[in-house]
Amino acid sequence: MKKIGLISDSHSYMDEGVLEHLKGVDEIWHAGDIGDLGVIDALPTDKQHRIVTGNIDDEDARRLYPEELWFEVEGLNVGILHIGGKPPRYAKGVKVKIKENNAGLFVCGHSHICKVEYDQQLNCLYMNPGAIGRHGFHVIRTMLLFEISAGKLQNLRVVELGKRAK
């Protein structure tokens, strides 16, 4: 079993609340729009990091991290990219990639809206953790915590981190 902490859209902002929630996970996934790379430097180093870049990320971030990741964890095929759309209207080419990679979990960011939905047509769970940063139109900062075991996602929890700005 792996415990996952899923964040996105930090936009150069990290706080102790997020870091506290990430202490108990095995892997930290960041679905893009990192902003300042100090955000990544602040993450616990004893965890596996799976990080993609987003549309605001600069060349330094793009040299270190890919635009998308496709991998397997505990028997579950996973895809992460920043701009993915949402079911049933995914971004161009995303449905094909989900099918090609036989993904049972597809993760994206960009919208700043926390959303989890099962796509029956693709037999795939869609997840967007919302945004942990303070830039954007979201009201509440959010992230997701969950476990993956024997190819199944379980114990999903939405973590509300407080208001975006004062």
N, C-alpha and C. Protein backbone atom coordinates (compact mmCIF):
# COMPACT_ATOMS: atom_id res chain seq x y z
N MET A 1 0.83 -1.18 0.00
CA MET A 1 0.00 0.00 0.00
C MET A 1 0.88 1.25 0.00
N LYS A 2 0.46 2.23 -0.79
CA LYS A 2 1.17 3.52 -0.84
C LYS A 2 0.20 4.63 -0.46
N LYS A 3 0.66 5.54 0.39
CA LYS A 3 -0.10 6.72 0.74
C LYS A 3 0.38 7.87 -0.13
N ILE A 4 -0.57 8.55 -0.75
CA ILE A 4 -0.26 9.60 -1.72
C ILE A 4 -0.78 10.94 -1.24
N GLY A 5 0.04 11.97 -1.40
CA GLY A 5 -0.38 13.35 -1.20
C GLY A 5 -0.36 14.03 -2.56
N LEU A 6 -1.52 14.53 -2.99
CA LEU A 6 -1.65 15.14 -4.33
C LEU A 6 -1.91 16.63 -4.20
N ILE A 7 -1.00 17.41 -4.80
CA ILE A 7 -1.12 18.87 -4.79
C ILE A 7 -0.98 19.39 -6.21
N SER A 8 -1.39 20.64 -6.39
CA SER A 8 -1.24 21.28 -7.69
C SER A 8 -1.33 22.79 -7.52
N ASP A 9 -0.92 23.49 -8.55
CA ASP A 9 -1.11 24.93 -8.65
C ASP A 9 -0.64 25.67 -7.39
N SER A 10 0.62 25.42 -7.04
CA SER A 10 1.20 26.11 -5.89
C SER A 10 1.52 27.56 -6.23
N HIS A 11 1.81 27.84 -7.48
CA HIS A 11 2.10 29.22 -7.91
C HIS A 11 3.07 29.91 -6.96
N SER A 12 4.17 29.23 -6.66
CA SER A 12 5.26 29.75 -5.82
C SER A 12 4.92 29.83 -4.33
N TYR A 13 3.83 29.20 -3.91
CA TYR A 13 3.42 29.30 -2.50
C TYR A 13 3.38 27.92 -1.84
N MET A 14 3.99 27.84 -0.67
CA MET A 14 3.94 26.63 0.15
C MET A 14 3.80 27.07 1.59
N ASP A 15 3.01 26.35 2.37
CA ASP A 15 2.91 26.70 3.79
C ASP A 15 3.02 25.45 4.66
N GLU A 16 3.14 25.68 5.95
CA GLU A 16 3.32 24.59 6.91
C GLU A 16 2.11 23.65 6.94
N GLY A 17 0.92 24.16 6.67
CA GLY A 17 -0.27 23.31 6.66
C GLY A 17 -0.16 22.21 5.62
N VAL A 18 0.26 22.57 4.43
CA VAL A 18 0.44 21.58 3.37
C VAL A 18 1.52 20.59 3.78
N LEU A 19 2.65 21.10 4.23
CA LEU A 19 3.78 20.24 4.61
C LEU A 19 3.41 19.29 5.73
N GLU A 20 2.59 19.74 6.65
CA GLU A 20 2.15 18.88 7.76
C GLU A 20 1.35 17.69 7.22
N HIS A 21 0.46 17.93 6.27
CA HIS A 21 -0.34 16.86 5.68
C HIS A 21 0.51 15.89 4.86
N LEU A 22 1.63 16.36 4.34
CA LEU A 22 2.49 15.52 3.51
C LEU A 22 3.45 14.65 4.34
N LYS A 23 3.55 14.89 5.61
CA LYS A 23 4.45 14.12 6.46
C LYS A 23 4.10 12.63 6.49
N GLY A 24 2.81 12.31 6.41
CA GLY A 24 2.38 10.92 6.56
C GLY A 24 2.24 10.15 5.27
N VAL A 25 2.70 10.69 4.14
CA VAL A 25 2.54 10.01 2.86
C VAL A 25 3.84 9.35 2.42
N ASP A 26 3.71 8.43 1.47
CA ASP A 26 4.88 7.78 0.86
C ASP A 26 5.34 8.51 -0.39
N GLU A 27 4.36 9.08 -1.12
CA GLU A 27 4.66 9.77 -2.38
C GLU A 27 3.93 11.11 -2.41
N ILE A 28 4.59 12.10 -3.02
CA ILE A 28 4.00 13.41 -3.23
C ILE A 28 3.92 13.64 -4.73
N TRP A 29 2.72 13.91 -5.20
CA TRP A 29 2.50 14.20 -6.61
C TRP A 29 2.12 15.67 -6.74
N HIS A 30 2.77 16.37 -7.67
CA HIS A 30 2.45 17.78 -7.94
C HIS A 30 2.03 17.87 -9.40
N ALA A 31 0.80 18.32 -9.64
CA ALA A 31 0.23 18.33 -11.00
C ALA A 31 0.43 19.66 -11.72
N GLY A 32 1.54 20.31 -11.49
CA GLY A 32 1.94 21.45 -12.31
C GLY A 32 1.60 22.83 -11.77
N ASP A 33 2.12 23.84 -12.46
CA ASP A 33 2.11 25.23 -12.02
C ASP A 33 2.80 25.36 -10.66
N ILE A 34 4.05 24.94 -10.68
CA ILE A 34 4.89 24.98 -9.49
C ILE A 34 5.22 26.42 -9.12
N GLY A 35 5.63 27.20 -10.13
CA GLY A 35 6.11 28.55 -9.86
C GLY A 35 7.56 28.47 -9.42
N ASP A 36 7.89 29.12 -8.34
CA ASP A 36 9.25 29.11 -7.82
C ASP A 36 9.64 27.70 -7.40
N LEU A 37 10.81 27.24 -7.82
CA LEU A 37 11.27 25.88 -7.48
C LEU A 37 11.54 25.69 -6.00
N GLY A 38 11.54 26.77 -5.23
CA GLY A 38 11.63 26.65 -3.78
C GLY A 38 10.48 25.85 -3.20
N VAL A 39 9.36 25.81 -3.91
CA VAL A 39 8.21 24.99 -3.50
C VAL A 39 8.63 23.53 -3.43
N ILE A 40 9.33 23.07 -4.46
CA ILE A 40 9.77 21.67 -4.50
C ILE A 40 10.85 21.43 -3.45
N ASP A 41 11.73 22.40 -3.28
CA ASP A 41 12.78 22.28 -2.27
C ASP A 41 12.20 22.15 -0.86
N ALA A 42 11.01 22.72 -0.64
CA ALA A 42 10.38 22.67 0.68
C ALA A 42 9.73 21.32 0.99
N LEU A 43 9.50 20.51 -0.05
CA LEU A 43 8.84 19.22 0.16
C LEU A 43 9.74 18.26 0.93
N PRO A 44 9.14 17.40 1.74
CA PRO A 44 9.94 16.40 2.46
C PRO A 44 10.78 15.57 1.48
N THR A 45 12.06 15.44 1.78
CA THR A 45 12.97 14.76 0.86
C THR A 45 12.95 13.24 1.03
N ASP A 46 12.32 12.75 2.06
CA ASP A 46 12.28 11.30 2.28
C ASP A 46 11.09 10.64 1.59
N LYS A 47 10.41 11.36 0.71
CA LYS A 47 9.26 10.85 -0.04
C LYS A 47 9.60 10.76 -1.52
N GLN A 48 8.94 9.85 -2.22
CA GLN A 48 9.05 9.81 -3.69
C GLN A 48 8.27 11.01 -4.23
N HIS A 49 8.88 11.75 -5.15
CA HIS A 49 8.22 12.89 -5.78
C HIS A 49 7.89 12.54 -7.23
N ARG A 50 6.67 12.86 -7.63
CA ARG A 50 6.25 12.73 -9.04
C ARG A 50 5.68 14.09 -9.41
N ILE A 51 6.41 14.81 -10.25
CA ILE A 51 6.12 16.23 -10.48
C ILE A 51 6.08 16.50 -11.98
N VAL A 52 5.05 17.24 -12.41
CA VAL A 52 4.98 17.70 -13.79
C VAL A 52 4.95 19.23 -13.80
N THR A 53 5.31 19.80 -14.94
CA THR A 53 5.26 21.25 -15.10
C THR A 53 3.91 21.66 -15.66
N GLY A 54 3.61 22.94 -15.44
CA GLY A 54 2.38 23.52 -15.96
C GLY A 54 2.66 24.73 -16.81
N ASN A 55 1.61 25.41 -17.22
CA ASN A 55 1.74 26.51 -18.16
C ASN A 55 2.47 27.73 -17.59
N ILE A 56 2.57 27.89 -16.27
CA ILE A 56 3.30 29.05 -15.73
C ILE A 56 4.76 28.74 -15.46
N ASP A 57 5.15 27.47 -15.56
CA ASP A 57 6.49 27.08 -15.16
C ASP A 57 7.54 27.48 -16.21
N ASP A 58 8.70 27.92 -15.71
CA ASP A 58 9.75 28.43 -16.58
C ASP A 58 10.67 27.32 -17.09
N GLU A 59 11.67 27.73 -17.84
CA GLU A 59 12.59 26.78 -18.45
C GLU A 59 13.38 25.99 -17.40
N ASP A 60 13.70 26.61 -16.28
CA ASP A 60 14.42 25.89 -15.22
C ASP A 60 13.58 24.71 -14.73
N ALA A 61 12.31 24.94 -14.49
CA ALA A 61 11.41 23.86 -14.05
C ALA A 61 11.27 22.81 -15.15
N ARG A 62 11.16 23.25 -16.39
CA ARG A 62 10.97 22.31 -17.51
C ARG A 62 12.21 21.44 -17.76
N ARG A 63 13.38 21.95 -17.39
CA ARG A 63 14.60 21.14 -17.50
C ARG A 63 14.61 20.02 -16.44
N LEU A 64 13.99 20.29 -15.30
CA LEU A 64 13.99 19.32 -14.20
C LEU A 64 12.82 18.34 -14.22
N TYR A 65 11.67 18.81 -14.72
CA TYR A 65 10.44 18.01 -14.63
C TYR A 65 9.73 17.96 -15.98
N PRO A 66 9.12 16.82 -16.29
CA PRO A 66 8.43 16.67 -17.58
C PRO A 66 7.06 17.34 -17.58
N GLU A 67 6.46 17.40 -18.76
CA GLU A 67 5.09 17.93 -18.89
C GLU A 67 4.05 16.89 -18.49
N GLU A 68 4.43 15.63 -18.59
CA GLU A 68 3.48 14.57 -18.22
C GLU A 68 4.23 13.35 -17.73
N LEU A 69 3.54 12.56 -16.92
CA LEU A 69 4.08 11.31 -16.40
C LEU A 69 3.03 10.22 -16.55
N TRP A 70 3.49 9.02 -16.94
CA TRP A 70 2.64 7.83 -17.01
C TRP A 70 3.40 6.73 -16.30
N PHE A 71 2.83 6.17 -15.26
CA PHE A 71 3.55 5.22 -14.42
C PHE A 71 2.56 4.28 -13.73
N GLU A 72 3.11 3.31 -13.00
CA GLU A 72 2.30 2.33 -12.28
C GLU A 72 2.67 2.38 -10.80
N VAL A 73 1.66 2.36 -9.94
CA VAL A 73 1.85 2.32 -8.50
C VAL A 73 0.93 1.25 -7.92
N GLU A 74 1.51 0.28 -7.26
CA GLU A 74 0.70 -0.75 -6.58
C GLU A 74 -0.36 -1.36 -7.49
N GLY A 75 0.00 -1.58 -8.75
CA GLY A 75 -0.92 -2.22 -9.68
C GLY A 75 -1.91 -1.29 -10.36
N LEU A 76 -1.80 0.02 -10.14
CA LEU A 76 -2.69 1.00 -10.77
C LEU A 76 -1.89 1.86 -11.75
N ASN A 77 -2.33 1.91 -13.00
CA ASN A 77 -1.69 2.76 -14.00
C ASN A 77 -2.22 4.19 -13.84
N VAL A 78 -1.26 5.13 -13.79
CA VAL A 78 -1.57 6.52 -13.48
C VAL A 78 -0.99 7.44 -14.55
N GLY A 79 -1.73 8.49 -14.87
CA GLY A 79 -1.24 9.55 -15.74
C GLY A 79 -1.40 10.88 -15.04
N ILE A 80 -0.38 11.74 -15.15
CA ILE A 80 -0.46 13.09 -14.60
C ILE A 80 0.01 14.08 -15.67
N LEU A 81 -0.80 15.09 -15.92
CA LEU A 81 -0.38 16.24 -16.71
C LEU A 81 -1.17 17.44 -16.24
N HIS A 82 -0.69 18.63 -16.52
CA HIS A 82 -1.28 19.82 -15.92
C HIS A 82 -2.63 20.19 -16.52
N ILE A 83 -2.68 20.40 -17.81
CA ILE A 83 -3.93 20.80 -18.45
C ILE A 83 -4.57 19.57 -19.07
N GLY A 84 -5.58 19.04 -18.41
CA GLY A 84 -6.20 17.80 -18.85
C GLY A 84 -7.66 17.90 -19.18
N GLY A 85 -8.27 19.05 -18.92
CA GLY A 85 -9.72 19.15 -19.09
C GLY A 85 -10.41 18.37 -17.99
N LYS A 86 -11.61 17.88 -18.28
CA LYS A 86 -12.36 17.07 -17.32
C LYS A 86 -13.37 16.22 -18.06
N PRO A 87 -13.82 15.14 -17.45
CA PRO A 87 -14.81 14.29 -18.13
C PRO A 87 -16.10 15.07 -18.40
N PRO A 88 -16.70 14.89 -19.54
CA PRO A 88 -16.25 14.11 -20.70
C PRO A 88 -15.41 14.93 -21.67
N ARG A 89 -15.13 16.19 -21.34
CA ARG A 89 -14.40 17.08 -22.25
C ARG A 89 -12.95 17.26 -21.81
N TYR A 90 -12.16 16.29 -22.17
CA TYR A 90 -10.73 16.36 -21.87
C TYR A 90 -10.04 17.28 -22.86
N ALA A 91 -8.85 17.73 -22.50
CA ALA A 91 -8.02 18.51 -23.42
C ALA A 91 -7.66 17.63 -24.63
N LYS A 92 -7.30 18.27 -25.71
CA LYS A 92 -6.99 17.57 -26.95
C LYS A 92 -5.92 16.49 -26.72
N GLY A 93 -6.24 15.27 -27.15
CA GLY A 93 -5.30 14.16 -27.09
C GLY A 93 -5.27 13.41 -25.77
N VAL A 94 -5.92 13.91 -24.74
CA VAL A 94 -5.84 13.28 -23.42
C VAL A 94 -6.56 11.93 -23.39
N LYS A 95 -7.74 11.85 -23.97
CA LYS A 95 -8.46 10.56 -23.99
C LYS A 95 -7.62 9.46 -24.63
N VAL A 96 -6.96 9.79 -25.72
CA VAL A 96 -6.12 8.82 -26.41
C VAL A 96 -4.98 8.35 -25.50
N LYS A 97 -4.36 9.29 -24.79
CA LYS A 97 -3.25 8.94 -23.89
C LYS A 97 -3.74 8.07 -22.73
N ILE A 98 -4.91 8.38 -22.20
CA ILE A 98 -5.48 7.57 -21.11
C ILE A 98 -5.68 6.14 -21.60
N LYS A 99 -6.23 6.00 -22.80
CA LYS A 99 -6.47 4.66 -23.37
C LYS A 99 -5.16 3.94 -23.67
N GLU A 100 -4.23 4.63 -24.32
CA GLU A 100 -2.94 4.02 -24.69
C GLU A 100 -2.17 3.52 -23.47
N ASN A 101 -2.28 4.24 -22.36
CA ASN A 101 -1.55 3.88 -21.15
C ASN A 101 -2.38 3.05 -20.18
N ASN A 102 -3.60 2.69 -20.60
CA ASN A 102 -4.50 1.89 -19.78
C ASN A 102 -4.59 2.46 -18.36
N ALA A 103 -4.72 3.78 -18.28
CA ALA A 103 -4.74 4.46 -16.98
C ALA A 103 -6.05 4.20 -16.25
N GLY A 104 -5.93 3.80 -15.00
CA GLY A 104 -7.09 3.67 -14.12
C GLY A 104 -7.28 4.92 -13.29
N LEU A 105 -6.25 5.80 -13.30
CA LEU A 105 -6.31 7.08 -12.59
C LEU A 105 -5.65 8.14 -13.48
N PHE A 106 -6.38 9.22 -13.71
CA PHE A 106 -5.85 10.34 -14.46
C PHE A 106 -5.92 11.58 -13.57
N VAL A 107 -4.78 12.26 -13.43
CA VAL A 107 -4.64 13.42 -12.56
C VAL A 107 -4.26 14.64 -13.38
N CYS A 108 -4.91 15.75 -13.10
CA CYS A 108 -4.48 17.01 -13.70
C CYS A 108 -4.73 18.14 -12.71
N GLY A 109 -4.28 19.32 -13.07
CA GLY A 109 -4.48 20.52 -12.27
C GLY A 109 -5.12 21.58 -13.13
N HIS A 110 -4.61 22.80 -13.06
CA HIS A 110 -4.93 23.93 -13.92
C HIS A 110 -6.23 24.65 -13.58
N SER A 111 -7.31 23.95 -13.31
CA SER A 111 -8.61 24.61 -13.12
C SER A 111 -8.73 25.27 -11.74
N HIS A 112 -7.92 24.85 -10.78
CA HIS A 112 -8.00 25.30 -9.39
C HIS A 112 -9.29 24.83 -8.72
N ILE A 113 -9.98 23.90 -9.33
CA ILE A 113 -11.23 23.37 -8.80
C ILE A 113 -11.01 21.91 -8.41
N CYS A 114 -11.21 21.61 -7.13
CA CYS A 114 -11.08 20.24 -6.66
C CYS A 114 -12.24 19.41 -7.20
N LYS A 115 -11.89 18.33 -7.90
CA LYS A 115 -12.93 17.50 -8.51
C LYS A 115 -12.43 16.07 -8.62
N VAL A 116 -13.27 15.14 -8.23
CA VAL A 116 -13.00 13.71 -8.39
C VAL A 116 -14.23 13.11 -9.02
N GLU A 117 -14.04 12.42 -10.15
CA GLU A 117 -15.17 11.86 -10.89
C GLU A 117 -14.73 10.59 -11.60
N TYR A 118 -15.58 9.59 -11.55
CA TYR A 118 -15.29 8.35 -12.28
C TYR A 118 -15.84 8.49 -13.69
N ASP A 119 -14.99 8.25 -14.68
CA ASP A 119 -15.37 8.30 -16.08
C ASP A 119 -15.66 6.87 -16.53
N GLN A 120 -16.94 6.52 -16.62
CA GLN A 120 -17.33 5.16 -17.00
C GLN A 120 -16.91 4.82 -18.41
N GLN A 121 -16.95 5.79 -19.31
CA GLN A 121 -16.59 5.54 -20.70
C GLN A 121 -15.13 5.08 -20.81
N LEU A 122 -14.24 5.69 -20.02
CA LEU A 122 -12.82 5.35 -20.08
C LEU A 122 -12.41 4.36 -18.98
N ASN A 123 -13.33 4.03 -18.09
CA ASN A 123 -13.02 3.15 -16.95
C ASN A 123 -11.83 3.70 -16.19
N CYS A 124 -11.91 5.00 -15.85
CA CYS A 124 -10.79 5.72 -15.27
C CYS A 124 -11.30 6.74 -14.25
N LEU A 125 -10.61 6.84 -13.13
CA LEU A 125 -10.94 7.85 -12.13
C LEU A 125 -10.18 9.13 -12.47
N TYR A 126 -10.91 10.22 -12.52
CA TYR A 126 -10.36 11.54 -12.79
C TYR A 126 -10.19 12.28 -11.47
N MET A 127 -9.03 12.91 -11.26
CA MET A 127 -8.79 13.68 -10.04
C MET A 127 -8.10 15.00 -10.35
N ASN A 128 -8.61 16.06 -9.76
CA ASN A 128 -7.95 17.35 -9.76
C ASN A 128 -7.96 17.82 -8.32
N PRO A 129 -6.79 18.03 -7.71
CA PRO A 129 -6.76 18.38 -6.29
C PRO A 129 -7.11 19.83 -5.98
N GLY A 130 -7.40 20.64 -7.00
CA GLY A 130 -7.60 22.06 -6.76
C GLY A 130 -6.25 22.75 -6.69
N ALA A 131 -6.13 23.77 -5.86
CA ALA A 131 -4.90 24.55 -5.80
C ALA A 131 -4.47 24.77 -4.35
N ILE A 132 -3.15 24.66 -4.10
CA ILE A 132 -2.63 24.97 -2.77
C ILE A 132 -2.11 26.40 -2.69
N GLY A 133 -2.00 27.05 -3.84
CA GLY A 133 -1.44 28.40 -3.89
C GLY A 133 -2.46 29.49 -3.60
N ARG A 134 -1.98 30.71 -3.63
CA ARG A 134 -2.83 31.86 -3.34
C ARG A 134 -3.18 32.67 -4.58
N HIS A 135 -2.68 32.28 -5.75
CA HIS A 135 -3.00 32.99 -6.98
C HIS A 135 -4.09 32.22 -7.72
N GLY A 136 -5.06 32.94 -8.23
CA GLY A 136 -6.13 32.31 -8.98
C GLY A 136 -7.49 32.74 -8.46
N PHE A 137 -8.51 32.13 -8.98
CA PHE A 137 -9.88 32.54 -8.64
C PHE A 137 -10.54 31.64 -7.60
N HIS A 138 -9.86 30.56 -7.19
CA HIS A 138 -10.45 29.67 -6.19
C HIS A 138 -10.61 30.41 -4.86
N VAL A 139 -11.55 29.94 -4.07
CA VAL A 139 -11.79 30.56 -2.77
C VAL A 139 -11.05 29.80 -1.67
N ILE A 140 -11.16 28.48 -1.70
CA ILE A 140 -10.54 27.62 -0.69
C ILE A 140 -9.39 26.84 -1.33
N ARG A 141 -8.24 26.82 -0.68
CA ARG A 141 -7.10 26.03 -1.13
C ARG A 141 -7.34 24.57 -0.72
N THR A 142 -7.07 23.64 -1.63
CA THR A 142 -7.34 22.22 -1.37
C THR A 142 -6.22 21.33 -1.87
N MET A 143 -6.17 20.13 -1.31
CA MET A 143 -5.29 19.07 -1.77
C MET A 143 -6.00 17.75 -1.50
N LEU A 144 -5.48 16.64 -2.02
CA LEU A 144 -6.07 15.32 -1.83
C LEU A 144 -5.07 14.37 -1.20
N LEU A 145 -5.58 13.53 -0.31
CA LEU A 145 -4.81 12.45 0.28
C LEU A 145 -5.55 11.15 0.01
N PHE A 146 -4.82 10.08 -0.34
CA PHE A 146 -5.46 8.79 -0.60
C PHE A 146 -4.42 7.69 -0.54
N GLU A 147 -4.91 6.47 -0.64
CA GLU A 147 -4.03 5.30 -0.65
C GLU A 147 -4.30 4.50 -1.92
N ILE A 148 -3.26 3.81 -2.37
CA ILE A 148 -3.40 2.88 -3.50
C ILE A 148 -2.90 1.53 -3.01
N SER A 149 -3.73 0.52 -3.19
CA SER A 149 -3.37 -0.83 -2.78
C SER A 149 -4.02 -1.82 -3.73
N ALA A 150 -3.25 -2.77 -4.21
CA ALA A 150 -3.75 -3.82 -5.10
C ALA A 150 -4.57 -3.26 -6.26
N GLY A 151 -4.05 -2.20 -6.88
CA GLY A 151 -4.70 -1.62 -8.05
C GLY A 151 -5.92 -0.78 -7.77
N LYS A 152 -6.21 -0.53 -6.51
CA LYS A 152 -7.41 0.23 -6.13
C LYS A 152 -7.04 1.46 -5.32
N LEU A 153 -7.78 2.53 -5.56
CA LEU A 153 -7.64 3.74 -4.79
C LEU A 153 -8.62 3.68 -3.62
N GLN A 154 -8.17 4.06 -2.43
CA GLN A 154 -9.05 3.98 -1.27
C GLN A 154 -8.73 5.10 -0.28
N ASN A 155 -9.65 5.29 0.66
CA ASN A 155 -9.49 6.27 1.74
C ASN A 155 -9.17 7.67 1.23
N LEU A 156 -9.90 8.10 0.20
CA LEU A 156 -9.72 9.43 -0.38
C LEU A 156 -10.23 10.49 0.59
N ARG A 157 -9.43 11.53 0.74
CA ARG A 157 -9.80 12.63 1.63
C ARG A 157 -9.45 13.96 0.98
N VAL A 158 -10.41 14.86 0.95
CA VAL A 158 -10.16 16.23 0.51
C VAL A 158 -9.72 17.03 1.73
N VAL A 159 -8.61 17.73 1.60
CA VAL A 159 -8.10 18.56 2.70
C VAL A 159 -8.31 20.01 2.31
N GLU A 160 -9.07 20.72 3.12
CA GLU A 160 -9.25 22.16 2.93
C GLU A 160 -8.18 22.88 3.73
N LEU A 161 -7.45 23.77 3.07
CA LEU A 161 -6.28 24.42 3.66
C LEU A 161 -6.52 25.88 4.05
N GLY A 162 -7.75 26.30 3.93
CA GLY A 162 -8.07 27.69 4.26
C GLY A 162 -8.30 28.53 3.03
N LYS A 163 -8.63 29.77 3.26
CA LYS A 163 -8.95 30.67 2.16
C LYS A 163 -7.72 31.05 1.35
N ARG A 164 -7.94 31.28 0.08
CA ARG A 164 -6.87 31.62 -0.84
C ARG A 164 -6.12 32.87 -0.39
N ALA A 165 -6.84 33.88 -0.03
CA ALA A 165 -6.21 35.14 0.38
C ALA A 165 -7.08 35.82 1.43
N LYS A 166 -6.49 36.73 2.13
CA LYS A 166 -7.21 37.45 3.18
C LYS A 166 -8.02 38.57 2.58
